[in-house]
PDB file of N, CA and C in Angstrom:
ATOM      1  N   MET A   1     -16.687  20.556   1.125  1.00  0.00           N
ATOM      2  CA  MET A   1     -16.671  19.112   1.012  1.00  0.00           C
ATOM      3  C   MET A   1     -15.568  18.631   0.075  1.00  0.00           C
ATOM      4  N   ARG A   2     -15.338  19.368  -1.001  1.00  0.00           N
ATOM      5  CA  ARG A   2     -14.273  18.981  -1.951  1.00  0.00           C
ATOM      6  C   ARG A   2     -12.918  19.020  -1.286  1.00  0.00           C
ATOM      7  N   THR A   3     -12.683  20.047  -0.461  1.00  0.00           N
ATOM      8  CA  THR A   3     -11.414  20.133   0.239  1.00  0.00           C
ATOM      9  C   THR A   3     -11.215  18.942   1.157  1.00  0.00           C
ATOM     10  N   LEU A   4     -12.280  18.533   1.837  1.00  0.00           N
ATOM     11  CA  LEU A   4     -12.204  17.381   2.728  1.00  0.00           C
ATOM     12  C   LEU A   4     -11.859  16.114   1.924  1.00  0.00           C
ATOM     13  N   HIS A   5     -12.515  15.933   0.774  1.00  0.00           N
ATOM     14  CA  HIS A   5     -12.202  14.737  -0.055  1.00  0.00           C
ATOM     15  C   HIS A   5     -10.745  14.756  -0.503  1.00  0.00           C
ATOM     16  N   ARG A   6     -10.237  15.888  -0.863  1.00  0.00           N
ATOM     17  CA  ARG A   6      -8.839  15.986  -1.303  1.00  0.00           C
ATOM     18  C   ARG A   6      -7.896  15.682  -0.139  1.00  0.00           C
ATOM     19  N   LEU A   7      -8.232  16.146   1.056  1.00  0.00           N
ATOM     20  CA  LEU A   7      -7.386  15.868   2.211  1.00  0.00           C
ATOM     21  C   LEU A   7      -7.430  14.379   2.548  1.00  0.00           C
ATOM     22  N   ILE A   8      -8.578  13.737   2.428  1.00  0.00           N
ATOM     23  CA  ILE A   8      -8.688  12.304   2.671  1.00  0.00           C
ATOM     24  C   ILE A   8      -7.830  11.528   1.673  1.00  0.00           C
ATOM     25  N   ALA A   9      -7.891  11.920   0.408  1.00  0.00           N
ATOM     26  CA  ALA A   9      -7.102  11.222  -0.628  1.00  0.00           C
ATOM     27  C   ALA A   9      -5.607  11.394  -0.372  1.00  0.00           C
ATOM     28  N   ALA A  10      -5.173  12.585  -0.025  1.00  0.00           N
ATOM     29  CA  ALA A  10      -3.730  12.837   0.191  1.00  0.00           C
ATOM     30  C   ALA A  10      -3.285  12.121   1.469  1.00  0.00           C
ATOM     31  N   GLY A  11      -4.080  12.167   2.528  1.00  0.00           N
ATOM     32  CA  GLY A  11      -3.713  11.516   3.786  1.00  0.00           C
ATOM     33  C   GLY A  11      -3.657  10.009   3.653  1.00  0.00           C
ATOM     34  N   ALA A  12      -4.539   9.449   2.841  1.00  0.00           N
ATOM     35  CA  ALA A  12      -4.543   7.996   2.687  1.00  0.00           C
ATOM     36  C   ALA A  12      -3.273   7.461   2.039  1.00  0.00           C
ATOM     37  N   LEU A  13      -2.576   8.306   1.326  1.00  0.00           N
ATOM     38  CA  LEU A  13      -1.328   7.871   0.677  1.00  0.00           C
ATOM     39  C   LEU A  13      -0.101   8.037   1.556  1.00  0.00           C
ATOM     40  N   ALA A  14      -0.129   8.890   2.520  1.00  0.00           N
ATOM     41  CA  ALA A  14       1.072   9.248   3.280  1.00  0.00           C
ATOM     42  C   ALA A  14       1.690   8.039   3.978  1.00  0.00           C
ATOM     43  N   ALA A  15       0.945   7.264   4.754  1.00  0.00           N
ATOM     44  CA  ALA A  15       1.512   6.156   5.512  1.00  0.00           C
ATOM     45  C   ALA A  15       2.118   5.066   4.622  1.00  0.00           C
ATOM     46  N   PRO A  16       1.406   4.567   3.593  1.00  0.00           N
ATOM     47  CA  PRO A  16       2.013   3.533   2.769  1.00  0.00           C
ATOM     48  C   PRO A  16       3.298   3.963   2.074  1.00  0.00           C
ATOM     49  N   MET A  17       3.367   5.205   1.655  1.00  0.00           N
ATOM     50  CA  MET A  17       4.566   5.684   0.993  1.00  0.00           C
ATOM     51  C   MET A  17       5.754   5.729   1.970  1.00  0.00           C
ATOM     52  N   LEU A  18       5.502   6.115   3.210  1.00  0.00           N
ATOM     53  CA  LEU A  18       6.582   6.168   4.199  1.00  0.00           C
ATOM     54  C   LEU A  18       7.084   4.772   4.526  1.00  0.00           C
ATOM     55  N   VAL A  19       6.185   3.818   4.738  1.00  0.00           N
ATOM     56  CA  VAL A  19       6.580   2.451   5.062  1.00  0.00           C
ATOM     57  C   VAL A  19       7.336   1.835   3.879  1.00  0.00           C
ATOM     58  N   ALA A  20       6.814   1.961   2.683  1.00  0.00           N
ATOM     59  CA  ALA A  20       7.454   1.399   1.505  1.00  0.00           C
ATOM     60  C   ALA A  20       8.796   2.062   1.225  1.00  0.00           C
ATOM     61  N   GLY A  21       8.876   3.362   1.412  1.00  0.00           N
ATOM     62  CA  GLY A  21      10.115   4.084   1.176  1.00  0.00           C
ATOM     63  C   GLY A  21      11.230   3.598   2.082  1.00  0.00           C
ATOM     64  N   ALA A  22      10.904   3.257   3.330  1.00  0.00           N
ATOM     65  CA  ALA A  22      11.907   2.752   4.259  1.00  0.00           C
ATOM     66  C   ALA A  22      12.470   1.414   3.766  1.00  0.00           C
ATOM     67  N   GLY A  23      11.616   0.563   3.205  1.00  0.00           N
ATOM     68  CA  GLY A  23      12.068  -0.724   2.677  1.00  0.00           C
ATOM     69  C   GLY A  23      12.946  -0.587   1.443  1.00  0.00           C
ATOM     70  N   LEU A  24      12.678   0.413   0.614  1.00  0.00           N
ATOM     71  CA  LEU A  24      13.479   0.606  -0.607  1.00  0.00           C
ATOM     72  C   LEU A  24      14.943   0.877  -0.311  1.00  0.00           C
ATOM     73  N   ALA A  25      15.242   1.461   0.831  1.00  0.00           N
ATOM     74  CA  ALA A  25      16.627   1.806   1.156  1.00  0.00           C
ATOM     75  C   ALA A  25      17.488   0.549   1.291  1.00  0.00           C
ATOM     76  N   PHE A  26      16.889  -0.610   1.584  1.00  0.00           N
ATOM     77  CA  PHE A  26      17.666  -1.842   1.817  1.00  0.00           C
ATOM     78  C   PHE A  26      17.444  -2.871   0.719  1.00  0.00           C
ATOM     79  N   ALA A  27      16.764  -2.552  -0.337  1.00  0.00           N
ATOM     80  CA  ALA A  27      16.412  -3.506  -1.366  1.00  0.00           C
ATOM     81  C   ALA A  27      17.558  -3.721  -2.336  1.00  0.00           C
ATOM     82  N   ASP A  28      17.678  -4.964  -2.874  1.00  0.00           N
ATOM     83  CA  ASP A  28      18.637  -5.263  -3.914  1.00  0.00           C
ATOM     84  C   ASP A  28      18.034  -4.984  -5.283  1.00  0.00           C
ATOM     85  N   ALA A  29      16.734  -5.106  -5.429  1.00  0.00           N
ATOM     86  CA  ALA A  29      16.022  -4.764  -6.660  1.00  0.00           C
ATOM     87  C   ALA A  29      14.748  -4.060  -6.247  1.00  0.00           C
ATOM     88  N   ALA A  30      14.471  -2.905  -6.883  1.00  0.00           N
ATOM     89  CA  ALA A  30      13.317  -2.126  -6.461  1.00  0.00           C
ATOM     90  C   ALA A  30      12.655  -1.451  -7.643  1.00  0.00           C
ATOM     91  N   TYR A  31      11.353  -1.207  -7.474  1.00  0.00           N
ATOM     92  CA  TYR A  31      10.567  -0.460  -8.468  1.00  0.00           C
ATOM     93  C   TYR A  31       9.601   0.435  -7.701  1.00  0.00           C
ATOM     94  N   GLY A  32       9.432   1.642  -8.151  1.00  0.00           N
ATOM     95  CA  GLY A  32       8.466   2.552  -7.538  1.00  0.00           C
ATOM     96  C   GLY A  32       7.893   3.489  -8.579  1.00  0.00           C
ATOM     97  N   GLN A  33       6.603   3.818  -8.410  1.00  0.00           N
ATOM     98  CA  GLN A  33       5.931   4.738  -9.311  1.00  0.00           C
ATOM     99  C   GLN A  33       4.876   5.465  -8.503  1.00  0.00           C
ATOM    100  N   GLN A  34       4.791   6.792  -8.711  1.00  0.00           N
ATOM    101  CA  GLN A  34       3.766   7.571  -8.019  1.00  0.00           C
ATOM    102  C   GLN A  34       3.153   8.559  -8.994  1.00  0.00           C
ATOM    103  N   THR A  35       1.862   8.762  -8.916  1.00  0.00           N
ATOM    104  CA  THR A  35       1.151   9.762  -9.697  1.00  0.00           C
ATOM    105  C   THR A  35       0.106  10.422  -8.824  1.00  0.00           C
ATOM    106  N   ALA A  36      -0.006  11.724  -8.905  1.00  0.00           N
ATOM    107  CA  ALA A  36      -1.048  12.448  -8.166  1.00  0.00           C
ATOM    108  C   ALA A  36      -1.581  13.576  -9.064  1.00  0.00           C
ATOM    109  N   VAL A  37      -2.868  13.748  -9.068  1.00  0.00           N
ATOM    110  CA  VAL A  37      -3.539  14.759  -9.883  1.00  0.00           C
ATOM    111  C   VAL A  37      -4.609  15.442  -9.067  1.00  0.00           C
ATOM    112  N   ALA A  38      -4.702  16.752  -9.145  1.00  0.00           N
ATOM    113  CA  ALA A  38      -5.771  17.488  -8.470  1.00  0.00           C
ATOM    114  C   ALA A  38      -6.296  18.552  -9.425  1.00  0.00           C
ATOM    115  N   GLY A  39      -7.569  18.757  -9.423  1.00  0.00           N
ATOM    116  CA  GLY A  39      -8.211  19.759 -10.282  1.00  0.00           C
ATOM    117  C   GLY A  39      -9.555  20.139  -9.732  1.00  0.00           C
ATOM    118  N   PRO A  40     -10.279  20.946 -10.490  1.00  0.00           N
ATOM    119  CA  PRO A  40     -11.579  21.413 -10.009  1.00  0.00           C
ATOM    120  C   PRO A  40     -12.607  20.301  -9.815  1.00  0.00           C
ATOM    121  N   GLY A  41     -12.445  19.171 -10.471  1.00  0.00           N
ATOM    122  CA  GLY A  41     -13.375  18.072 -10.336  1.00  0.00           C
ATOM    123  C   GLY A  41     -13.016  17.061  -9.272  1.00  0.00           C
ATOM    124  N   GLY A  42     -11.838  17.233  -8.633  1.00  0.00           N
ATOM    125  CA  GLY A  42     -11.445  16.286  -7.589  1.00  0.00           C
ATOM    126  C   GLY A  42      -9.963  16.023  -7.660  1.00  0.00           C
ATOM    127  N   ALA A  43      -9.571  14.947  -6.982  1.00  0.00           N
ATOM    128  CA  ALA A  43      -8.169  14.562  -6.919  1.00  0.00           C
ATOM    129  C   ALA A  43      -8.042  13.041  -6.906  1.00  0.00           C
ATOM    130  N   TRP A  44      -6.926  12.507  -7.411  1.00  0.00           N
ATOM    131  CA  TRP A  44      -6.637  11.100  -7.308  1.00  0.00           C
ATOM    132  C   TRP A  44      -5.132  10.914  -7.220  1.00  0.00           C
ATOM    133  N   ALA A  45      -4.754   9.784  -6.674  1.00  0.00           N
ATOM    134  CA  ALA A  45      -3.323   9.452  -6.555  1.00  0.00           C
ATOM    135  C   ALA A  45      -3.159   7.946  -6.641  1.00  0.00           C
ATOM    136  N   HIS A  46      -2.020   7.532  -7.150  1.00  0.00           N
ATOM    137  CA  HIS A  46      -1.732   6.100  -7.332  1.00  0.00           C
ATOM    138  C   HIS A  46      -0.244   5.881  -7.031  1.00  0.00           C
ATOM    139  N   THR A  47       0.066   4.821  -6.285  1.00  0.00           N
ATOM    140  CA  THR A  47       1.443   4.474  -5.934  1.00  0.00           C
ATOM    141  C   THR A  47       1.630   2.950  -6.073  1.00  0.00           C
ATOM    142  N   VAL A  48       2.788   2.566  -6.609  1.00  0.00           N
ATOM    143  CA  VAL A  48       3.191   1.169  -6.705  1.00  0.00           C
ATOM    144  C   VAL A  48       4.633   1.114  -6.206  1.00  0.00           C
ATOM    145  N   VAL A  49       4.895   0.187  -5.298  1.00  0.00           N
ATOM    146  CA  VAL A  49       6.264  -0.018  -4.802  1.00  0.00           C
ATOM    147  C   VAL A  49       6.496  -1.517  -4.715  1.00  0.00           C
ATOM    148  N   ALA A  50       7.654  -1.989  -5.173  1.00  0.00           N
ATOM    149  CA  ALA A  50       7.997  -3.387  -5.087  1.00  0.00           C
ATOM    150  C   ALA A  50       9.503  -3.532  -4.873  1.00  0.00           C
ATOM    151  N   PHE A  51       9.926  -4.498  -4.103  1.00  0.00           N
ATOM    152  CA  PHE A  51      11.360  -4.778  -3.984  1.00  0.00           C
ATOM    153  C   PHE A  51      11.578  -6.216  -3.582  1.00  0.00           C
ATOM    154  N   ALA A  52      12.810  -6.661  -3.816  1.00  0.00           N
ATOM    155  CA  ALA A  52      13.251  -8.028  -3.468  1.00  0.00           C
ATOM    156  C   ALA A  52      14.736  -7.955  -3.101  1.00  0.00           C
ATOM    157  N   ASP A  53      15.177  -8.857  -2.201  1.00  0.00           N
ATOM    158  CA  ASP A  53      16.593  -8.899  -1.874  1.00  0.00           C
ATOM    159  C   ASP A  53      17.136 -10.313  -2.108  1.00  0.00           C
ATOM    160  N   ASP A  54      18.424 -10.473  -1.937  1.00  0.00           N
ATOM    161  CA  ASP A  54      19.048 -11.754  -2.208  1.00  0.00           C
ATOM    162  C   ASP A  54      18.814 -12.796  -1.112  1.00  0.00           C
ATOM    163  N   HIS A  55      18.066 -12.474  -0.080  1.00  0.00           N
ATOM    164  CA  HIS A  55      17.708 -13.434   0.949  1.00  0.00           C
ATOM    165  C   HIS A  55      16.329 -14.045   0.722  1.00  0.00           C
ATOM    166  N   GLY A  56      15.636 -13.633  -0.343  1.00  0.00           N
ATOM    167  CA  GLY A  56      14.318 -14.163  -0.638  1.00  0.00           C
ATOM    168  C   GLY A  56      13.171 -13.330  -0.064  1.00  0.00           C
ATOM    169  N   ASN A  57      13.497 -12.169   0.488  1.00  0.00           N
ATOM    170  CA  ASN A  57      12.473 -11.250   0.997  1.00  0.00           C
ATOM    171  C   ASN A  57      11.908 -10.443  -0.155  1.00  0.00           C
ATOM    172  N   THR A  58      10.581 -10.343  -0.206  1.00  0.00           N
ATOM    173  CA  THR A  58       9.905  -9.572  -1.245  1.00  0.00           C
ATOM    174  C   THR A  58       8.823  -8.724  -0.617  1.00  0.00           C
ATOM    175  N   TYR A  59       8.457  -7.647  -1.332  1.00  0.00           N
ATOM    176  CA  TYR A  59       7.411  -6.744  -0.881  1.00  0.00           C
ATOM    177  C   TYR A  59       6.758  -6.120  -2.108  1.00  0.00           C
ATOM    178  N   PHE A  60       5.413  -6.036  -2.078  1.00  0.00           N
ATOM    179  CA  PHE A  60       4.666  -5.355  -3.146  1.00  0.00           C
ATOM    180  C   PHE A  60       3.572  -4.558  -2.482  1.00  0.00           C
ATOM    181  N   HIS A  61       3.401  -3.314  -2.888  1.00  0.00           N
ATOM    182  CA  HIS A  61       2.311  -2.503  -2.397  1.00  0.00           C
ATOM    183  C   HIS A  61       1.778  -1.619  -3.492  1.00  0.00           C
ATOM    184  N   GLU A  62       0.460  -1.619  -3.663  1.00  0.00           N
ATOM    185  CA  GLU A  62      -0.220  -0.714  -4.590  1.00  0.00           C
ATOM    186  C   GLU A  62      -1.348  -0.014  -3.855  1.00  0.00           C
ATOM    187  N   HIS A  63      -1.469   1.275  -4.060  1.00  0.00           N
ATOM    188  CA  HIS A  63      -2.502   2.025  -3.370  1.00  0.00           C
ATOM    189  C   HIS A  63      -3.009   3.120  -4.308  1.00  0.00           C
ATOM    190  N   ALA A  64      -4.324   3.311  -4.302  1.00  0.00           N
ATOM    191  CA  ALA A  64      -4.924   4.390  -5.101  1.00  0.00           C
ATOM    192  C   ALA A  64      -6.050   5.001  -4.273  1.00  0.00           C
ATOM    193  N   ALA A  65      -6.213   6.311  -4.430  1.00  0.00           N
ATOM    194  CA  ALA A  65      -7.281   7.023  -3.749  1.00  0.00           C
ATOM    195  C   ALA A  65      -7.817   8.087  -4.683  1.00  0.00           C
ATOM    196  N   ALA A  66      -9.107   8.314  -4.631  1.00  0.00           N
ATOM    197  CA  ALA A  66      -9.746   9.344  -5.472  1.00  0.00           C
ATOM    198  C   ALA A  66     -10.843  10.002  -4.686  1.00  0.00           C
ATOM    199  N   ALA A  67     -11.064  11.280  -4.956  1.00  0.00           N
ATOM    200  CA  ALA A  67     -12.128  12.023  -4.335  1.00  0.00           C
ATOM    201  C   ALA A  67     -12.658  13.015  -5.341  1.00  0.00           C
ATOM    202  N   GLY A  68     -13.959  13.171  -5.391  1.00  0.00           N
ATOM    203  CA  GLY A  68     -14.578  14.107  -6.297  1.00  0.00           C
ATOM    204  C   GLY A  68     -15.928  14.539  -5.761  1.00  0.00           C
ATOM    205  N   PRO A  69     -16.672  15.234  -6.571  1.00  0.00           N
ATOM    206  CA  PRO A  69     -17.945  15.768  -6.095  1.00  0.00           C
ATOM    207  C   PRO A  69     -18.986  14.702  -5.749  1.00  0.00           C
ATOM    208  N   HIS A  70     -18.779  13.454  -6.193  1.00  0.00           N
ATOM    209  CA  HIS A  70     -19.748  12.399  -5.953  1.00  0.00           C
ATOM    210  C   HIS A  70     -19.317  11.397  -4.883  1.00  0.00           C
ATOM    211  N   GLY A  71     -18.122  11.581  -4.312  1.00  0.00           N
ATOM    212  CA  GLY A  71     -17.678  10.662  -3.267  1.00  0.00           C
ATOM    213  C   GLY A  71     -16.171  10.541  -3.236  1.00  0.00           C
ATOM    214  N   ALA A  72     -15.713   9.651  -2.353  1.00  0.00           N
ATOM    215  CA  ALA A  72     -14.289   9.386  -2.193  1.00  0.00           C
ATOM    216  C   ALA A  72     -14.101   7.895  -2.009  1.00  0.00           C
ATOM    217  N   GLY A  73     -12.959   7.391  -2.471  1.00  0.00           N
ATOM    218  CA  GLY A  73     -12.696   5.963  -2.301  1.00  0.00           C
ATOM    219  C   GLY A  73     -11.216   5.668  -2.395  1.00  0.00           C
ATOM    220  N   SER A  74     -10.862   4.475  -1.955  1.00  0.00           N
ATOM    221  CA  SER A  74      -9.466   4.048  -2.030  1.00  0.00           C
ATOM    222  C   SER A  74      -9.386   2.533  -2.081  1.00  0.00           C
ATOM    223  N   PHE A  75      -8.260   2.038  -2.576  1.00  0.00           N
ATOM    224  CA  PHE A  75      -7.983   0.607  -2.479  1.00  0.00           C
ATOM    225  C   PHE A  75      -6.489   0.443  -2.240  1.00  0.00           C
ATOM    226  N   SER A  76      -6.145  -0.653  -1.634  1.00  0.00           N
ATOM    227  CA  SER A  76      -4.741  -0.953  -1.439  1.00  0.00           C
ATOM    228  C   SER A  76      -4.563  -2.486  -1.441  1.00  0.00           C
ATOM    229  N   THR A  77      -3.429  -2.913  -1.960  1.00  0.00           N
ATOM    230  CA  THR A  77      -3.019  -4.327  -1.937  1.00  0.00           C
ATOM    231  C   THR A  77      -1.588  -4.393  -1.510  1.00  0.00           C
ATOM    232  N   THR A  78      -1.297  -5.236  -0.560  1.00  0.00           N
ATOM    233  CA  THR A  78       0.066  -5.433  -0.070  1.00  0.00           C
ATOM    234  C   THR A  78       0.318  -6.947   0.047  1.00  0.00           C
ATOM    235  N   SER A  79       1.504  -7.357  -0.383  1.00  0.00           N
ATOM    236  CA  SER A  79       1.906  -8.737  -0.186  1.00  0.00           C
ATOM    237  C   SER A  79       3.380  -8.781   0.121  1.00  0.00           C
ATOM    238  N   TRP A  80       3.825  -9.793   0.835  1.00  0.00           N
ATOM    239  CA  TRP A  80       5.262  -9.913   1.182  1.00  0.00           C
ATOM    240  C   TRP A  80       5.633 -11.349   1.492  1.00  0.00           C
ATOM    241  N   THR A  81       6.911 -11.605   1.362  1.00  0.00           N
ATOM    242  CA  THR A  81       7.527 -12.830   1.847  1.00  0.00           C
ATOM    243  C   THR A  81       8.752 -12.444   2.648  1.00  0.00           C
ATOM    244  N   HIS A  82       9.047 -13.193   3.686  1.00  0.00           N
ATOM    245  CA  HIS A  82      10.200 -12.936   4.530  1.00  0.00           C
ATOM    246  C   HIS A  82      10.809 -14.285   4.896  1.00  0.00           C
ATOM    247  N   ASP A  83      12.104 -14.468   4.626  1.00  0.00           N
ATOM    248  CA  ASP A  83      12.708 -15.777   4.856  1.00  0.00           C
ATOM    249  C   ASP A  83      13.259 -15.943   6.262  1.00  0.00           C
ATOM    250  N   GLY A  84      13.264 -14.872   7.081  1.00  0.00           N
ATOM    251  CA  GLY A  84      13.736 -14.967   8.459  1.00  0.00           C
ATOM    252  C   GLY A  84      15.239 -14.937   8.607  1.00  0.00           C
ATOM    253  N   HIS A  85      15.976 -14.751   7.540  1.00  0.00           N
ATOM    254  CA  HIS A  85      17.456 -14.749   7.586  1.00  0.00           C
ATOM    255  C   HIS A  85      17.933 -13.381   8.104  1.00  0.00           C
ATOM    256  N   HIS A  86      18.768 -13.389   9.116  1.00  0.00           N
ATOM    257  CA  HIS A  86      19.317 -12.151   9.679  1.00  0.00           C
ATOM    258  C   HIS A  86      20.819 -12.062   9.571  1.00  0.00           C
ATOM    259  N   GLY A  87      21.438 -12.956   8.823  1.00  0.00           N
ATOM    260  CA  GLY A  87      22.903 -12.937   8.716  1.00  0.00           C
ATOM    261  C   GLY A  87      23.532 -13.736   9.850  1.00  0.00           C
ATOM    262  N   GLY A  88      24.774 -14.131   9.684  1.00  0.00           N
ATOM    263  CA  GLY A  88      25.504 -14.857  10.713  1.00  0.00           C
ATOM    264  C   GLY A  88      24.871 -16.216  11.039  1.00  0.00           C
ATOM    265  N   GLY A  89      24.098 -16.804  10.099  1.00  0.00           N
ATOM    266  CA  GLY A  89      23.499 -18.088  10.304  1.00  0.00           C
ATOM    267  C   GLY A  89      22.217 -18.090  11.131  1.00  0.00           C
ATOM    268  N   HIS A  90      21.780 -16.922  11.597  1.00  0.00           N
ATOM    269  CA  HIS A  90      20.592 -16.816  12.435  1.00  0.00           C
ATOM    270  C   HIS A  90      19.333 -16.821  11.558  1.00  0.00           C
ATOM    271  N   HIS A  91      18.349 -17.657  11.899  1.00  0.00           N
ATOM    272  CA  HIS A  91      17.131 -17.768  11.124  1.00  0.00           C
ATOM    273  C   HIS A  91      15.916 -17.819  12.079  1.00  0.00           C
ATOM    274  N   ASP A  92      14.982 -16.901  11.907  1.00  0.00           N
ATOM    275  CA  ASP A  92      13.791 -16.793  12.774  1.00  0.00           C
ATOM    276  C   ASP A  92      12.552 -17.478  12.217  1.00  0.00           C
ATOM    277  N   GLY A  93      12.598 -18.077  11.068  1.00  0.00           N
ATOM    278  CA  GLY A  93      11.425 -18.647  10.455  1.00  0.00           C
ATOM    279  C   GLY A  93      10.903 -17.764   9.334  1.00  0.00           C
ATOM    280  N   SER A  94      10.215 -18.361   8.415  1.00  0.00           N
ATOM    281  CA  SER A  94       9.734 -17.655   7.236  1.00  0.00           C
ATOM    282  C   SER A  94       8.279 -17.217   7.449  1.00  0.00           C
ATOM    283  N   SER A  95       7.886 -16.186   6.715  1.00  0.00           N
ATOM    284  CA  SER A  95       6.503 -15.746   6.745  1.00  0.00           C
ATOM    285  C   SER A  95       6.109 -15.189   5.380  1.00  0.00           C
ATOM    286  N   ALA A  96       4.823 -15.174   5.135  1.00  0.00           N
ATOM    287  CA  ALA A  96       4.264 -14.573   3.906  1.00  0.00           C
ATOM    288  C   ALA A  96       2.912 -14.015   4.247  1.00  0.00           C
ATOM    289  N   GLY A  97       2.533 -12.966   3.542  1.00  0.00           N
ATOM    290  CA  GLY A  97       1.217 -12.377   3.818  1.00  0.00           C
ATOM    291  C   GLY A  97       0.659 -11.629   2.650  1.00  0.00           C
ATOM    292  N   TYR A  98      -0.631 -11.367   2.761  1.00  0.00           N
ATOM    293  CA  TYR A  98      -1.378 -10.646   1.723  1.00  0.00           C
ATOM    294  C   TYR A  98      -2.466  -9.837   2.440  1.00  0.00           C
ATOM    295  N   HIS A  99      -2.680  -8.605   1.973  1.00  0.00           N
ATOM    296  CA  HIS A  99      -3.736  -7.773   2.523  1.00  0.00           C
ATOM    297  C   HIS A  99      -4.317  -6.938   1.408  1.00  0.00           C
ATOM    298  N   ASN A 100      -5.656  -6.911   1.300  1.00  0.00           N
ATOM    299  CA  ASN A 100      -6.363  -6.103   0.312  1.00  0.00           C
ATOM    300  C   ASN A 100      -7.493  -5.399   0.999  1.00  0.00           C
ATOM    301  N   GLU A 101      -7.684  -4.119   0.686  1.00  0.00           N
ATOM    302  CA  GLU A 101      -8.763  -3.342   1.274  1.00  0.00           C
ATOM    303  C   GLU A 101      -9.319  -2.357   0.272  1.00  0.00           C
ATOM    304  N   GLU A 102     -10.646  -2.221   0.263  1.00  0.00           N
ATOM    305  CA  GLU A 102     -11.328  -1.246  -0.583  1.00  0.00           C
ATOM    306  C   GLU A 102     -12.348  -0.508   0.276  1.00  0.00           C
ATOM    307  N   ALA A 103     -12.500   0.779   0.015  1.00  0.00           N
ATOM    308  CA  ALA A 103     -13.501   1.576   0.721  1.00  0.00           C
ATOM    309  C   ALA A 103     -13.998   2.674  -0.204  1.00  0.00           C
ATOM    310  N   TYR A 104     -15.284   3.017  -0.038  1.00  0.00           N
ATOM    311  CA  TYR A 104     -15.872   4.079  -0.842  1.00  0.00           C
ATOM    312  C   TYR A 104     -17.011   4.684  -0.043  1.00  0.00           C
ATOM    313  N   ALA A 105     -17.169   5.981  -0.137  1.00  0.00           N
ATOM    314  CA  ALA A 105     -18.270   6.686   0.535  1.00  0.00           C
ATOM    315  C   ALA A 105     -18.787   7.778  -0.358  1.00  0.00           C
ATOM    316  N   SER A 106     -20.102   7.947  -0.374  1.00  0.00           N
ATOM    317  CA  SER A 106     -20.743   9.019  -1.135  1.00  0.00           C
ATOM    318  C   SER A 106     -22.036   9.396  -0.455  1.00  0.00           C
ATOM    319  N   ASP A 107     -22.786  10.283  -1.073  1.00  0.00           N
ATOM    320  CA  ASP A 107     -24.080  10.664  -0.537  1.00  0.00           C
ATOM    321  C   ASP A 107     -25.073   9.521  -0.556  1.00  0.00           C
ATOM    322  N   HIS A 108     -24.794   8.473  -1.361  1.00  0.00           N
ATOM    323  CA  HIS A 108     -25.696   7.324  -1.483  1.00  0.00           C
ATOM    324  C   HIS A 108     -25.362   6.178  -0.557  1.00  0.00           C
ATOM    325  N   GLY A 109     -24.250   6.271   0.184  1.00  0.00           N
ATOM    326  CA  GLY A 109     -23.891   5.201   1.095  1.00  0.00           C
ATOM    327  C   GLY A 109     -22.391   4.979   1.132  1.00  0.00           C
ATOM    328  N   ALA A 110     -22.019   3.897   1.768  1.00  0.00           N
ATOM    329  CA  ALA A 110     -20.606   3.571   1.945  1.00  0.00           C
ATOM    330  C   ALA A 110     -20.382   2.065   1.775  1.00  0.00           C
ATOM    331  N   TYR A 111     -19.161   1.698   1.387  1.00  0.00           N
ATOM    332  CA  TYR A 111     -18.796   0.325   1.141  1.00  0.00           C
ATOM    333  C   TYR A 111     -17.393   0.096   1.698  1.00  0.00           C
ATOM    334  N   HIS A 112     -17.174  -1.070   2.300  1.00  0.00           N
ATOM    335  CA  HIS A 112     -15.843  -1.430   2.769  1.00  0.00           C
ATOM    336  C   HIS A 112     -15.691  -2.927   2.685  1.00  0.00           C
ATOM    337  N   GLN A 113     -14.550  -3.393   2.205  1.00  0.00           N
ATOM    338  CA  GLN A 113     -14.226  -4.820   2.222  1.00  0.00           C
ATOM    339  C   GLN A 113     -12.748  -4.969   2.544  1.00  0.00           C
ATOM    340  N   GLU A 114     -12.413  -6.071   3.163  1.00  0.00           N
ATOM    341  CA  GLU A 114     -11.023  -6.332   3.539  1.00  0.00           C
ATOM    342  C   GLU A 114     -10.771  -7.829   3.442  1.00  0.00           C
ATOM    343  N   THR A 115      -9.646  -8.210   2.871  1.00  0.00           N
ATOM    344  CA  THR A 115      -9.219  -9.599   2.765  1.00  0.00           C
ATOM    345  C   THR A 115      -7.788  -9.694   3.215  1.00  0.00           C
ATOM    346  N   PHE A 116      -7.446 -10.698   4.046  1.00  0.00           N
ATOM    347  CA  PHE A 116      -6.064 -10.846   4.408  1.00  0.00           C
ATOM    348  C   PHE A 116      -5.738 -12.318   4.644  1.00  0.00           C
ATOM    349  N   SER A 117      -4.462 -12.626   4.508  1.00  0.00           N
ATOM    350  CA  SER A 117      -4.001 -13.974   4.686  1.00  0.00           C
ATOM    351  C   SER A 117      -2.543 -13.898   5.216  1.00  0.00           C
ATOM    352  N   TYR A 118      -2.152 -14.807   6.109  1.00  0.00           N
ATOM    353  CA  TYR A 118      -0.831 -14.780   6.658  1.00  0.00           C
ATOM    354  C   TYR A 118      -0.389 -16.208   6.994  1.00  0.00           C
ATOM    355  N   ALA A 119       0.835 -16.528   6.702  1.00  0.00           N
ATOM    356  CA  ALA A 119       1.412 -17.823   7.062  1.00  0.00           C
ATOM    357  C   ALA A 119       2.776 -17.614   7.664  1.00  0.00           C
ATOM    358  N   ASP A 120       3.096 -18.422   8.668  1.00  0.00           N
ATOM    359  CA  ASP A 120       4.358 -18.302   9.402  1.00  0.00           C
ATOM    360  C   ASP A 120       4.905 -19.679   9.719  1.00  0.00           C
ATOM    361  N   SER A 121       6.191 -19.861   9.530  1.00  0.00           N
ATOM    362  CA  SER A 121       6.818 -21.143   9.897  1.00  0.00           C
ATOM    363  C   SER A 121       7.944 -20.841  10.895  1.00  0.00           C
ATOM    364  N   ASP A 122       7.871 -21.457  12.025  1.00  0.00           N
ATOM    365  CA  ASP A 122       8.920 -21.247  13.044  1.00  0.00           C
ATOM    366  C   ASP A 122       9.827 -22.436  13.146  1.00  0.00           C
TER     367      ASP A 122
END
């Protein structure tokens, strides 16, 4: 069971890091931090990525996951703004969004919550 919890924690981090890493390649200002720890009592990992460009596009993502002998859980928060500017005077409209999710499971039960918001101007 401990191996399964560790695999869940490691797998939960893979997708957000890949998506955020792709955005960092094009950012004018960026910040990133990652920490991962594993030991006999369990494993946990934490990632923060943020960037902004000179067109007003921004992105923030934080994700953490932990697994141990009493259960496994994770949370993530993502927010972004996009001004729709593609260069050459072309503009597709602006958008902004927010997404937050938490989940936990143990021998005593499970919990999940999700909140999201999105706005778009065409």
